[in-house]
Amino acid sequence: MDQPIEKPATRIVAEALGKKFNSGWLFSDFNYTFTPGNTYAVTGPNGSGKSTLLNILWGQMPPTQGTLTYEIAGKPIDADGVFSQLTIAAPYMDLLDEFTLAEMVDFHFRLKPLLPGLTTSGIIREMYLEEATGKYIGNFSSGMKQRLKLGLAFFTDVPAVFLDEPGTNLDDRAFQWYRNLLKTQTKNRIIVIASNNKEEYPPEATVISMANFKSKNR
């Protein structure tokens, strides 16, 4: 039996990142290298910059200062190629309410690759949403939408997964399902979780406190 082909390692290198708004600097001098096979928990009080940092790391928001580099096998990739290296699940991330669940899953995986061995119908079963296959996303409960976001993120074959407050709107069963995904779907990937709830990230996660990058207004 052929051995699976090992993909070149992807790293995310942040150098002296900082973000300033009208009220002043939210954080500055953020230096960190994110490597495969590790989970990182970004913590800090509300307003400390957790979500802002994630938005910068996944390329949605530019930093005010510093540089961010995605590397594959030690070589930087073009900014336009970053999108293909990651997935996102966040409470503020929009889904297409006009799509049915089946259409939403199919649309997502036209843009991003499935993990090996999975099918779009299999993913719907994994999210235990089979009864909602033909239901419009706009009619989903908040918990169902969060399950969908998490499922799309975890079951996409990319090296980096970003999760902002992943337990939002999940009931007990769904939260345990999420915790199981953290155990089974994170091997050799970079997992970055923004949360102050220790139940949302594994005990072995590397904790990054935004308090360490708090900048004085200048």
C-alpha atoms as a PDB file:
ATOM      1  CA  MET A   1       0.000   0.000   0.000  1.00  0.00           C
ATOM      2  CA  ASP A   2       1.379   3.398  -0.976  1.00  0.00           C
ATOM      3  CA  GLN A   3       2.286   5.714   1.859  1.00  0.00           C
ATOM      4  CA  PRO A   4       0.493   9.098   1.857  1.00  0.00           C
ATOM      5  CA  ILE A   5       2.592  11.876   0.390  1.00  0.00           C
ATOM      6  CA  GLU A   6       3.769  14.228   3.125  1.00  0.00           C
ATOM      7  CA  LYS A   7       3.123  17.859   2.275  1.00  0.00           C
ATOM      8  CA  PRO A   8       5.800  20.529   2.775  1.00  0.00           C
ATOM      9  CA  ALA A   9       5.421  22.230   6.146  1.00  0.00           C
ATOM     10  CA  THR A  10       3.712  25.609   6.320  1.00  0.00           C
ATOM     11  CA  ARG A  11       4.775  28.224   8.883  1.00  0.00           C
ATOM     12  CA  ILE A  12       3.270  31.588   9.765  1.00  0.00           C
ATOM     13  CA  VAL A  13       5.854  34.151  10.808  1.00  0.00           C
ATOM     14  CA  ALA A  14       4.727  37.378  12.517  1.00  0.00           C
ATOM     15  CA  GLU A  15       7.369  40.044  13.009  1.00  0.00           C
ATOM     16  CA  ALA A  16       6.738  43.185  15.077  1.00  0.00           C
ATOM     17  CA  LEU A  17       3.020  43.213  14.250  1.00  0.00           C
ATOM     18  CA  GLY A  18       1.007  46.076  15.658  1.00  0.00           C
ATOM     19  CA  LYS A  19      -2.466  47.521  15.134  1.00  0.00           C
ATOM     20  CA  LYS A  20      -3.499  51.108  15.755  1.00  0.00           C
ATOM     21  CA  PHE A  21      -6.997  52.575  15.677  1.00  0.00           C
ATOM     22  CA  ASN A  22      -8.134  56.146  16.281  1.00  0.00           C
ATOM     23  CA  SER A  23      -8.093  55.572  20.029  1.00  0.00           C
ATOM     24  CA  GLY A  24      -4.475  54.434  19.956  1.00  0.00           C
ATOM     25  CA  TRP A  25      -2.458  51.234  19.691  1.00  0.00           C
ATOM     26  CA  LEU A  26      -4.391  48.047  20.424  1.00  0.00           C
ATOM     27  CA  PHE A  27      -1.218  45.954  20.534  1.00  0.00           C
ATOM     28  CA  SER A  28       2.313  46.141  19.197  1.00  0.00           C
ATOM     29  CA  ASP A  29       5.582  44.238  18.846  1.00  0.00           C
ATOM     30  CA  PHE A  30       3.850  40.910  18.311  1.00  0.00           C
ATOM     31  CA  ASN A  31       6.562  38.465  17.301  1.00  0.00           C
ATOM     32  CA  TYR A  32       5.674  34.813  16.855  1.00  0.00           C
ATOM     33  CA  THR A  33       6.242  31.826  14.609  1.00  0.00           C
ATOM     34  CA  PHE A  34       3.347  29.385  14.268  1.00  0.00           C
ATOM     35  CA  THR A  35       4.387  25.855  13.306  1.00  0.00           C
ATOM     36  CA  PRO A  36       2.522  22.685  12.241  1.00  0.00           C
ATOM     37  CA  GLY A  37       1.398  20.185  14.833  1.00  0.00           C
ATOM     38  CA  ASN A  38       0.718  22.846  17.438  1.00  0.00           C
ATOM     39  CA  THR A  39      -2.391  24.480  18.865  1.00  0.00           C
ATOM     40  CA  TYR A  40      -2.207  28.090  20.030  1.00  0.00           C
ATOM     41  CA  ALA A  41      -4.704  29.744  22.378  1.00  0.00           C
ATOM     42  CA  VAL A  42      -4.864  33.536  22.063  1.00  0.00           C
ATOM     43  CA  THR A  43      -6.243  34.882  25.337  1.00  0.00           C
ATOM     44  CA  GLY A  44      -6.987  38.264  26.894  1.00  0.00           C
ATOM     45  CA  PRO A  45      -9.882  40.403  28.126  1.00  0.00           C
ATOM     46  CA  ASN A  46     -12.497  41.817  25.789  1.00  0.00           C
ATOM     47  CA  GLY A  47     -10.977  44.569  23.691  1.00  0.00           C
ATOM     48  CA  SER A  48      -7.423  43.286  24.065  1.00  0.00           C
ATOM     49  CA  GLY A  49      -7.095  42.459  20.354  1.00  0.00           C
ATOM     50  CA  LYS A  50      -7.688  38.704  20.140  1.00  0.00           C
ATOM     51  CA  SER A  51     -10.033  38.837  17.148  1.00  0.00           C
ATOM     52  CA  THR A  52      -8.067  41.661  15.544  1.00  0.00           C
ATOM     53  CA  LEU A  53      -4.891  39.586  15.713  1.00  0.00           C
ATOM     54  CA  LEU A  54      -6.627  36.619  14.088  1.00  0.00           C
ATOM     55  CA  ASN A  55      -7.999  38.853  11.342  1.00  0.00           C
ATOM     56  CA  ILE A  56      -4.455  40.033  10.638  1.00  0.00           C
ATOM     57  CA  LEU A  57      -3.014  36.507  10.757  1.00  0.00           C
ATOM     58  CA  TRP A  58      -5.495  35.184   8.203  1.00  0.00           C
ATOM     59  CA  GLY A  59      -5.013  38.200   5.947  1.00  0.00           C
ATOM     60  CA  GLN A  60      -8.357  39.969   6.242  1.00  0.00           C
ATOM     61  CA  MET A  61      -6.986  43.037   8.027  1.00  0.00           C
ATOM     62  CA  PRO A  62      -3.645  44.742   7.382  1.00  0.00           C
ATOM     63  CA  PRO A  63      -1.385  45.484  10.351  1.00  0.00           C
ATOM     64  CA  THR A  64      -0.427  49.058  11.086  1.00  0.00           C
ATOM     65  CA  GLN A  65       3.149  47.943  11.503  1.00  0.00           C
ATOM     66  CA  GLY A  66       5.215  44.797  11.089  1.00  0.00           C
ATOM     67  CA  THR A  67       5.220  41.965   8.573  1.00  0.00           C
ATOM     68  CA  LEU A  68       3.396  38.671   8.216  1.00  0.00           C
ATOM     69  CA  THR A  69       4.824  35.854   6.122  1.00  0.00           C
ATOM     70  CA  TYR A  70       3.422  32.468   5.160  1.00  0.00           C
ATOM     71  CA  GLU A  71       6.169  29.997   4.315  1.00  0.00           C
ATOM     72  CA  ILE A  72       6.036  26.607   2.631  1.00  0.00           C
ATOM     73  CA  ALA A  73       9.187  24.507   3.002  1.00  0.00           C
ATOM     74  CA  GLY A  74      10.996  27.601   4.223  1.00  0.00           C
ATOM     75  CA  LYS A  75      10.051  29.748   1.219  1.00  0.00           C
ATOM     76  CA  PRO A  76       7.609  32.668   1.447  1.00  0.00           C
ATOM     77  CA  ILE A  77       4.444  32.457  -0.612  1.00  0.00           C
ATOM     78  CA  ASP A  78       2.729  35.325  -2.388  1.00  0.00           C
ATOM     79  CA  ALA A  79      -0.006  37.137  -0.461  1.00  0.00           C
ATOM     80  CA  ASP A  80      -2.561  35.996  -3.044  1.00  0.00           C
ATOM     81  CA  GLY A  81      -1.784  32.388  -2.131  1.00  0.00           C
ATOM     82  CA  VAL A  82      -2.481  32.744   1.587  1.00  0.00           C
ATOM     83  CA  PHE A  83      -6.212  32.115   1.140  1.00  0.00           C
ATOM     84  CA  SER A  84      -5.518  28.568  -0.062  1.00  0.00           C
ATOM     85  CA  GLN A  85      -3.586  27.758   3.117  1.00  0.00           C
ATOM     86  CA  LEU A  86      -6.282  28.355   5.738  1.00  0.00           C
ATOM     87  CA  THR A  87      -9.860  28.119   6.912  1.00  0.00           C
ATOM     88  CA  ILE A  88     -11.794  30.197   9.425  1.00  0.00           C
ATOM     89  CA  ALA A  89     -14.682  29.732  11.855  1.00  0.00           C
ATOM     90  CA  ALA A  90     -15.909  32.785  13.759  1.00  0.00           C
ATOM     91  CA  PRO A  91     -19.267  33.997  15.128  1.00  0.00           C
ATOM     92  CA  TYR A  92     -19.125  37.080  12.897  1.00  0.00           C
ATOM     93  CA  MET A  93     -18.323  35.101   9.738  1.00  0.00           C
ATOM     94  CA  ASP A  94     -21.227  35.186   7.288  1.00  0.00           C
ATOM     95  CA  LEU A  95     -22.760  32.162   5.612  1.00  0.00           C
ATOM     96  CA  LEU A  96     -24.920  32.315   2.493  1.00  0.00           C
ATOM     97  CA  ASP A  97     -28.457  32.317   3.875  1.00  0.00           C
ATOM     98  CA  GLU A  98     -29.925  31.789   0.392  1.00  0.00           C
ATOM     99  CA  PHE A  99     -28.153  28.428   0.033  1.00  0.00           C
ATOM    100  CA  THR A 100     -29.363  25.119   1.346  1.00  0.00           C
ATOM    101  CA  LEU A 101     -26.955  23.192   3.535  1.00  0.00           C
ATOM    102  CA  ALA A 102     -26.034  20.913   0.615  1.00  0.00           C
ATOM    103  CA  GLU A 103     -25.403  23.921  -1.634  1.00  0.00           C
ATOM    104  CA  MET A 104     -23.306  25.661   1.028  1.00  0.00           C
ATOM    105  CA  VAL A 105     -21.090  22.619   1.575  1.00  0.00           C
ATOM    106  CA  ASP A 106     -20.726  22.034  -2.172  1.00  0.00           C
ATOM    107  CA  PHE A 107     -19.868  25.705  -2.759  1.00  0.00           C
ATOM    108  CA  HIS A 108     -17.221  25.744  -0.032  1.00  0.00           C
ATOM    109  CA  PHE A 109     -15.488  22.663  -1.382  1.00  0.00           C
ATOM    110  CA  ARG A 110     -15.367  24.049  -4.878  1.00  0.00           C
ATOM    111  CA  LEU A 111     -12.986  26.630  -3.423  1.00  0.00           C
ATOM    112  CA  LYS A 112     -11.113  24.480  -0.896  1.00  0.00           C
ATOM    113  CA  PRO A 113     -10.045  20.808  -0.929  1.00  0.00           C
ATOM    114  CA  LEU A 114     -11.694  18.136   1.195  1.00  0.00           C
ATOM    115  CA  LEU A 115      -9.673  16.095   3.630  1.00  0.00           C
ATOM    116  CA  PRO A 116      -8.747  12.746   2.031  1.00  0.00           C
ATOM    117  CA  GLY A 117     -11.381  10.055   2.402  1.00  0.00           C
ATOM    118  CA  LEU A 118     -14.299  12.427   2.940  1.00  0.00           C
ATOM    119  CA  THR A 119     -17.245  13.356   0.740  1.00  0.00           C
ATOM    120  CA  THR A 120     -19.588  16.323   0.982  1.00  0.00           C
ATOM    121  CA  SER A 121     -22.444  14.036   2.072  1.00  0.00           C
ATOM    122  CA  GLY A 122     -20.138  12.409   4.596  1.00  0.00           C
ATOM    123  CA  ILE A 123     -19.287  15.807   6.074  1.00  0.00           C
ATOM    124  CA  ILE A 124     -22.977  16.579   6.568  1.00  0.00           C
ATOM    125  CA  ARG A 125     -23.278  13.304   8.490  1.00  0.00           C
ATOM    126  CA  GLU A 126     -20.177  14.180  10.528  1.00  0.00           C
ATOM    127  CA  MET A 127     -21.873  17.432  11.555  1.00  0.00           C
ATOM    128  CA  TYR A 128     -25.054  15.397  12.336  1.00  0.00           C
ATOM    129  CA  LEU A 129     -27.066  17.720  10.107  1.00  0.00           C
ATOM    130  CA  GLU A 130     -28.483  15.128   7.694  1.00  0.00           C
ATOM    131  CA  GLU A 131     -32.082  16.175   8.363  1.00  0.00           C
ATOM    132  CA  ALA A 132     -31.191  19.729   7.339  1.00  0.00           C
ATOM    133  CA  THR A 133     -29.567  18.856   3.992  1.00  0.00           C
ATOM    134  CA  GLY A 134     -32.259  20.666   1.981  1.00  0.00           C
ATOM    135  CA  LYS A 135     -32.896  23.405   4.530  1.00  0.00           C
ATOM    136  CA  TYR A 136     -31.911  26.994   3.795  1.00  0.00           C
ATOM    137  CA  ILE A 137     -29.056  28.332   5.924  1.00  0.00           C
ATOM    138  CA  GLY A 138     -31.160  31.390   6.753  1.00  0.00           C
ATOM    139  CA  ASN A 139     -33.538  29.089   8.650  1.00  0.00           C
ATOM    140  CA  PHE A 140     -30.781  27.476  10.720  1.00  0.00           C
ATOM    141  CA  SER A 141     -30.510  28.079  14.446  1.00  0.00           C
ATOM    142  CA  SER A 142     -27.392  29.852  15.687  1.00  0.00           C
ATOM    143  CA  GLY A 143     -26.056  26.546  16.998  1.00  0.00           C
ATOM    144  CA  MET A 144     -26.540  24.805  13.654  1.00  0.00           C
ATOM    145  CA  LYS A 145     -24.727  27.627  11.887  1.00  0.00           C
ATOM    146  CA  GLN A 146     -21.811  27.347  14.285  1.00  0.00           C
ATOM    147  CA  ARG A 147     -21.603  23.583  13.736  1.00  0.00           C
ATOM    148  CA  LEU A 148     -21.525  24.212   9.998  1.00  0.00           C
ATOM    149  CA  LYS A 149     -18.750  26.803  10.306  1.00  0.00           C
ATOM    150  CA  LEU A 150     -16.658  24.491  12.461  1.00  0.00           C
ATOM    151  CA  GLY A 151     -17.254  21.499  10.194  1.00  0.00           C
ATOM    152  CA  LEU A 152     -16.224  23.410   7.085  1.00  0.00           C
ATOM    153  CA  ALA A 153     -13.087  24.618   8.867  1.00  0.00           C
ATOM    154  CA  PHE A 154     -11.970  21.265  10.267  1.00  0.00           C
ATOM    155  CA  PHE A 155     -12.796  19.143   7.218  1.00  0.00           C
ATOM    156  CA  THR A 156     -10.941  21.355   4.741  1.00  0.00           C
ATOM    157  CA  ASP A 157      -7.517  20.054   3.741  1.00  0.00           C
ATOM    158  CA  VAL A 158      -5.410  23.094   4.638  1.00  0.00           C
ATOM    159  CA  PRO A 159      -2.439  23.515   6.992  1.00  0.00           C
ATOM    160  CA  ALA A 160      -3.882  26.353   9.125  1.00  0.00           C
ATOM    161  CA  VAL A 161      -7.233  26.572  10.945  1.00  0.00           C
ATOM    162  CA  PHE A 162      -8.349  29.727  12.757  1.00  0.00           C
ATOM    163  CA  LEU A 163     -11.148  29.543  15.336  1.00  0.00           C
ATOM    164  CA  ASP A 164     -12.523  32.608  17.101  1.00  0.00           C
ATOM    165  CA  GLU A 165     -14.613  31.715  20.173  1.00  0.00           C
ATOM    166  CA  PRO A 166     -15.489  28.317  18.677  1.00  0.00           C
ATOM    167  CA  GLY A 167     -17.896  27.281  21.438  1.00  0.00           C
ATOM    168  CA  THR A 168     -20.289  30.155  20.746  1.00  0.00           C
ATOM    169  CA  ASN A 169     -23.938  28.966  20.574  1.00  0.00           C
ATOM    170  CA  LEU A 170     -23.034  25.264  20.920  1.00  0.00           C
ATOM    171  CA  ASP A 171     -25.121  23.049  23.195  1.00  0.00           C
ATOM    172  CA  ASP A 172     -23.471  20.336  25.294  1.00  0.00           C
ATOM    173  CA  ARG A 173     -23.617  17.684  22.573  1.00  0.00           C
ATOM    174  CA  ALA A 174     -22.230  20.024  19.924  1.00  0.00           C
ATOM    175  CA  PHE A 175     -19.483  21.220  22.266  1.00  0.00           C
ATOM    176  CA  GLN A 176     -18.319  17.648  22.860  1.00  0.00           C
ATOM    177  CA  TRP A 177     -18.379  17.107  19.093  1.00  0.00           C
ATOM    178  CA  TYR A 178     -16.141  20.161  18.733  1.00  0.00           C
ATOM    179  CA  ARG A 179     -13.770  18.890  21.424  1.00  0.00           C
ATOM    180  CA  ASN A 180     -13.511  15.587  19.593  1.00  0.00           C
ATOM    181  CA  LEU A 181     -12.578  17.410  16.374  1.00  0.00           C
ATOM    182  CA  LEU A 182      -9.733  19.060  18.274  1.00  0.00           C
ATOM    183  CA  LYS A 183      -8.404  15.578  19.034  1.00  0.00           C
ATOM    184  CA  THR A 184      -8.958  13.942  15.668  1.00  0.00           C
ATOM    185  CA  GLN A 185      -8.609  16.640  12.989  1.00  0.00           C
ATOM    186  CA  THR A 186      -5.608  18.723  14.034  1.00  0.00           C
ATOM    187  CA  LYS A 187      -2.595  16.509  13.305  1.00  0.00           C
ATOM    188  CA  ASN A 188       0.241  18.323  11.496  1.00  0.00           C
ATOM    189  CA  ARG A 189      -1.784  21.526  11.296  1.00  0.00           C
ATOM    190  CA  ILE A 190      -1.503  24.988  12.792  1.00  0.00           C
ATOM    191  CA  ILE A 191      -4.547  25.586  14.994  1.00  0.00           C
ATOM    192  CA  VAL A 192      -5.071  29.102  16.367  1.00  0.00           C
ATOM    193  CA  ILE A 193      -7.964  29.597  18.810  1.00  0.00           C
ATOM    194  CA  ALA A 194      -9.009  32.957  20.252  1.00  0.00           C
ATOM    195  CA  SER A 195     -10.781  32.297  23.533  1.00  0.00           C
ATOM    196  CA  ASN A 196     -10.811  32.982  27.265  1.00  0.00           C
ATOM    197  CA  ASN A 197     -12.638  29.697  27.924  1.00  0.00           C
ATOM    198  CA  LYS A 198     -10.108  26.983  28.769  1.00  0.00           C
ATOM    199  CA  GLU A 199     -12.629  24.351  27.657  1.00  0.00           C
ATOM    200  CA  GLU A 200     -12.357  25.665  24.082  1.00  0.00           C
ATOM    201  CA  TYR A 201      -8.701  24.730  23.704  1.00  0.00           C
ATOM    202  CA  PRO A 202      -6.741  21.629  24.746  1.00  0.00           C
ATOM    203  CA  PRO A 203      -4.571  21.694  27.887  1.00  0.00           C
ATOM    204  CA  GLU A 204      -1.416  21.227  25.809  1.00  0.00           C
ATOM    205  CA  ALA A 205      -2.103  24.384  23.773  1.00  0.00           C
ATOM    206  CA  THR A 206       0.501  27.138  23.782  1.00  0.00           C
ATOM    207  CA  VAL A 207      -1.138  30.144  25.442  1.00  0.00           C
ATOM    208  CA  ILE A 208      -0.447  33.562  23.913  1.00  0.00           C
ATOM    209  CA  SER A 209      -1.668  36.354  26.192  1.00  0.00           C
ATOM    210  CA  MET A 210      -2.446  39.620  24.439  1.00  0.00           C
ATOM    211  CA  ALA A 211      -1.543  41.384  27.698  1.00  0.00           C
ATOM    212  CA  ASN A 212       2.096  40.743  26.787  1.00  0.00           C
ATOM    213  CA  PHE A 213       1.727  42.875  23.662  1.00  0.00           C
ATOM    214  CA  LYS A 214      -0.247  45.748  25.114  1.00  0.00           C
ATOM    215  CA  SER A 215       1.130  48.997  23.788  1.00  0.00           C
ATOM    216  CA  LYS A 216       1.017  52.411  25.352  1.00  0.00           C
ATOM    217  CA  ASN A 217      -0.704  54.993  23.197  1.00  0.00           C
ATOM    218  CA  ARG A 218       1.837  57.018  21.275  1.00  0.00           C
END
